N, C-alpha and C. Protein backbone atom coordinates (compact mmCIF):
# COMPACT_ATOMS: atom_id res chain seq x y z
N MET A 1 158.20 118.28 22.42
CA MET A 1 157.67 118.76 23.69
C MET A 1 157.87 117.65 24.73
N TYR A 2 158.41 118.00 25.84
CA TYR A 2 158.62 117.00 26.88
C TYR A 2 157.37 116.87 27.75
N ARG A 3 157.23 115.74 28.42
CA ARG A 3 156.06 115.49 29.25
C ARG A 3 156.43 115.11 30.68
N THR A 4 157.74 115.06 30.95
CA THR A 4 158.20 114.73 32.30
C THR A 4 159.15 115.83 32.79
N CYS A 5 159.24 115.97 34.10
CA CYS A 5 160.12 116.96 34.72
C CYS A 5 161.57 116.62 34.40
N ILE A 6 162.35 117.62 34.02
CA ILE A 6 163.76 117.37 33.69
C ILE A 6 164.59 117.11 34.94
N TYR A 7 164.04 117.39 36.11
CA TYR A 7 164.78 117.20 37.36
C TYR A 7 164.43 115.88 38.04
N CYS A 8 163.13 115.61 38.26
CA CYS A 8 162.75 114.41 39.02
C CYS A 8 162.13 113.32 38.13
N LYS A 9 161.90 113.62 36.87
CA LYS A 9 161.36 112.67 35.87
C LYS A 9 159.90 112.29 36.08
N LYS A 10 159.17 112.98 36.97
CA LYS A 10 157.75 112.70 37.16
C LYS A 10 156.95 113.35 36.04
N ALA A 11 155.82 112.73 35.68
CA ALA A 11 154.95 113.27 34.63
C ALA A 11 154.45 114.65 35.04
N LEU A 12 154.43 115.58 34.10
CA LEU A 12 154.00 116.94 34.36
C LEU A 12 152.49 117.12 34.26
N GLY A 13 151.80 116.12 33.78
CA GLY A 13 150.35 116.21 33.67
C GLY A 13 149.93 116.96 32.42
N SER A 14 148.67 117.29 32.37
CA SER A 14 148.14 117.98 31.20
C SER A 14 147.17 119.07 31.64
N ASN A 15 146.88 119.97 30.72
CA ASN A 15 145.89 121.01 30.99
C ASN A 15 144.97 121.15 29.79
N GLU A 16 143.78 121.64 30.03
CA GLU A 16 142.81 121.84 28.96
C GLU A 16 142.45 123.32 28.82
N VAL A 17 143.11 124.16 29.57
CA VAL A 17 142.82 125.60 29.55
C VAL A 17 143.62 126.31 28.47
N VAL A 18 144.91 126.02 28.38
CA VAL A 18 145.77 126.63 27.37
C VAL A 18 145.95 125.61 26.25
N GLU A 19 145.10 125.72 25.24
CA GLU A 19 145.09 124.73 24.16
C GLU A 19 146.41 124.67 23.40
N GLU A 20 147.10 125.80 23.31
CA GLU A 20 148.36 125.85 22.56
C GLU A 20 149.49 125.10 23.26
N PHE A 21 149.32 124.81 24.53
CA PHE A 21 150.36 124.11 25.28
C PHE A 21 149.69 123.11 26.23
N PRO A 22 149.43 121.89 25.77
CA PRO A 22 148.65 120.92 26.54
C PRO A 22 149.40 120.22 27.68
N VAL A 23 150.67 120.54 27.89
CA VAL A 23 151.46 119.88 28.93
C VAL A 23 151.48 120.74 30.19
N GLY A 24 151.36 120.10 31.35
CA GLY A 24 151.55 120.80 32.61
C GLY A 24 150.29 121.16 33.35
N ARG A 25 150.22 120.73 34.58
CA ARG A 25 149.10 121.10 35.45
C ARG A 25 149.26 122.51 35.99
N ARG A 26 150.51 122.97 36.14
CA ARG A 26 150.79 124.32 36.65
C ARG A 26 151.72 125.02 35.68
N LEU A 27 151.30 126.20 35.22
CA LEU A 27 152.13 126.98 34.31
C LEU A 27 152.47 128.32 34.96
N ALA A 28 153.64 128.83 34.62
CA ALA A 28 154.05 130.17 35.02
C ALA A 28 154.60 130.84 33.76
N PHE A 29 154.39 132.15 33.67
CA PHE A 29 154.84 132.83 32.45
C PHE A 29 155.34 134.23 32.75
N ASP A 30 156.17 134.71 31.85
CA ASP A 30 156.67 136.08 31.86
C ASP A 30 156.47 136.60 30.45
N ALA A 31 155.37 137.32 30.24
CA ALA A 31 155.02 137.79 28.91
C ALA A 31 156.05 138.78 28.36
N ALA A 32 156.63 139.60 29.21
CA ALA A 32 157.60 140.61 28.76
C ALA A 32 158.83 139.96 28.14
N LYS A 33 159.25 138.84 28.68
CA LYS A 33 160.43 138.15 28.16
C LYS A 33 160.08 136.94 27.31
N GLY A 34 158.78 136.64 27.17
CA GLY A 34 158.36 135.52 26.33
C GLY A 34 158.76 134.17 26.90
N ARG A 35 158.65 134.02 28.20
CA ARG A 35 159.03 132.75 28.83
C ARG A 35 157.82 132.04 29.40
N LEU A 36 157.85 130.73 29.31
CA LEU A 36 156.78 129.89 29.85
C LEU A 36 157.42 128.70 30.53
N TRP A 37 156.99 128.44 31.76
CA TRP A 37 157.50 127.30 32.52
C TRP A 37 156.36 126.38 32.90
N VAL A 38 156.69 125.09 33.01
CA VAL A 38 155.78 124.12 33.61
C VAL A 38 156.36 123.82 34.98
N VAL A 39 155.56 124.03 36.03
CA VAL A 39 156.02 123.81 37.39
C VAL A 39 155.67 122.38 37.80
N CYS A 40 156.67 121.61 38.17
CA CYS A 40 156.47 120.23 38.59
C CYS A 40 155.74 120.19 39.93
N ARG A 41 154.71 119.40 40.01
CA ARG A 41 153.94 119.31 41.25
C ARG A 41 154.64 118.46 42.30
N ARG A 42 155.60 117.66 41.89
CA ARG A 42 156.31 116.82 42.86
C ARG A 42 157.50 117.55 43.50
N CYS A 43 158.40 118.06 42.67
CA CYS A 43 159.62 118.68 43.21
C CYS A 43 159.55 120.20 43.23
N GLU A 44 158.48 120.79 42.66
CA GLU A 44 158.25 122.23 42.64
C GLU A 44 159.28 123.01 41.81
N ARG A 45 160.06 122.32 40.97
CA ARG A 45 161.03 123.02 40.13
C ARG A 45 160.37 123.47 38.85
N TRP A 46 160.89 124.54 38.27
CA TRP A 46 160.32 125.13 37.08
C TRP A 46 161.07 124.63 35.84
N ASN A 47 160.33 124.10 34.89
CA ASN A 47 160.89 123.57 33.65
C ASN A 47 160.61 124.56 32.53
N LEU A 48 161.63 125.21 32.01
CA LEU A 48 161.46 126.17 30.92
C LEU A 48 161.05 125.42 29.66
N THR A 49 160.02 125.91 28.99
CA THR A 49 159.51 125.23 27.80
C THR A 49 160.36 125.58 26.58
N PRO A 50 160.33 124.71 25.57
CA PRO A 50 161.09 124.99 24.34
C PRO A 50 160.60 126.27 23.67
N LEU A 51 161.50 127.05 23.14
CA LEU A 51 161.21 128.35 22.55
C LEU A 51 160.15 128.29 21.46
N GLU A 52 160.25 127.35 20.56
CA GLU A 52 159.34 127.30 19.42
C GLU A 52 157.91 126.91 19.81
N GLU A 53 157.69 126.46 21.02
CA GLU A 53 156.36 126.02 21.43
C GLU A 53 155.68 126.96 22.43
N ARG A 54 156.30 128.09 22.74
CA ARG A 54 155.75 128.87 23.84
C ARG A 54 155.06 130.17 23.46
N TRP A 55 155.30 130.76 22.31
CA TRP A 55 154.81 132.10 22.02
C TRP A 55 153.30 132.24 22.10
N GLU A 56 152.57 131.39 21.40
CA GLU A 56 151.11 131.48 21.42
C GLU A 56 150.56 131.16 22.81
N ALA A 57 151.19 130.22 23.50
CA ALA A 57 150.74 129.86 24.85
C ALA A 57 150.96 131.02 25.82
N VAL A 58 152.05 131.75 25.69
CA VAL A 58 152.30 132.91 26.55
C VAL A 58 151.24 133.97 26.30
N GLU A 59 150.88 134.20 25.05
CA GLU A 59 149.84 135.18 24.73
C GLU A 59 148.50 134.77 25.34
N THR A 60 148.17 133.49 25.27
CA THR A 60 146.92 133.00 25.88
C THR A 60 146.96 133.16 27.38
N CYS A 61 148.07 132.82 28.01
CA CYS A 61 148.20 132.98 29.47
C CYS A 61 148.02 134.45 29.86
N GLU A 62 148.60 135.35 29.10
CA GLU A 62 148.48 136.78 29.39
C GLU A 62 147.02 137.24 29.28
N ARG A 63 146.31 136.80 28.26
CA ARG A 63 144.89 137.16 28.11
C ARG A 63 144.07 136.61 29.26
N LEU A 64 144.33 135.36 29.66
CA LEU A 64 143.59 134.75 30.76
C LEU A 64 143.87 135.48 32.08
N PHE A 65 145.13 135.77 32.33
CA PHE A 65 145.52 136.44 33.57
C PHE A 65 144.97 137.86 33.65
N SER A 66 144.97 138.55 32.53
CA SER A 66 144.52 139.94 32.49
C SER A 66 143.00 140.05 32.52
N GLY A 67 142.30 138.95 32.36
CA GLY A 67 140.85 138.97 32.40
C GLY A 67 140.20 139.27 31.07
N TYR A 68 140.97 139.29 29.99
CA TYR A 68 140.41 139.55 28.68
C TYR A 68 139.69 138.34 28.11
N GLU A 69 139.92 137.19 28.71
CA GLU A 69 139.35 135.96 28.19
C GLU A 69 139.01 135.06 29.36
N SER A 70 137.90 134.39 29.29
CA SER A 70 137.52 133.43 30.33
C SER A 70 138.15 132.09 30.03
N PRO A 71 138.61 131.37 31.06
CA PRO A 71 139.15 130.03 30.83
C PRO A 71 138.07 129.12 30.28
N ARG A 72 138.47 128.24 29.39
CA ARG A 72 137.54 127.28 28.80
C ARG A 72 137.73 125.93 29.46
N PHE A 73 136.91 125.61 30.41
CA PHE A 73 137.00 124.33 31.11
C PHE A 73 136.11 123.33 30.42
N ILE A 74 136.59 122.12 30.30
CA ILE A 74 135.80 121.05 29.68
C ILE A 74 135.36 120.09 30.75
């Protein structure tokens, strides 16, 4: 799992809401196609996450977005 933007090399930060994918302050997802991106806060480019690490995180994002689950903030 990468922790820096593939374009500008700045750290992508971390999140505590999607436990299955702890990288990235901003996430974007497409549940229909099974895609998850980490959006760089510096250059605003979208970094597609590795395939083997995204499935459970996409499902969690979909539940959170749909309102089926409350975010767990620490």
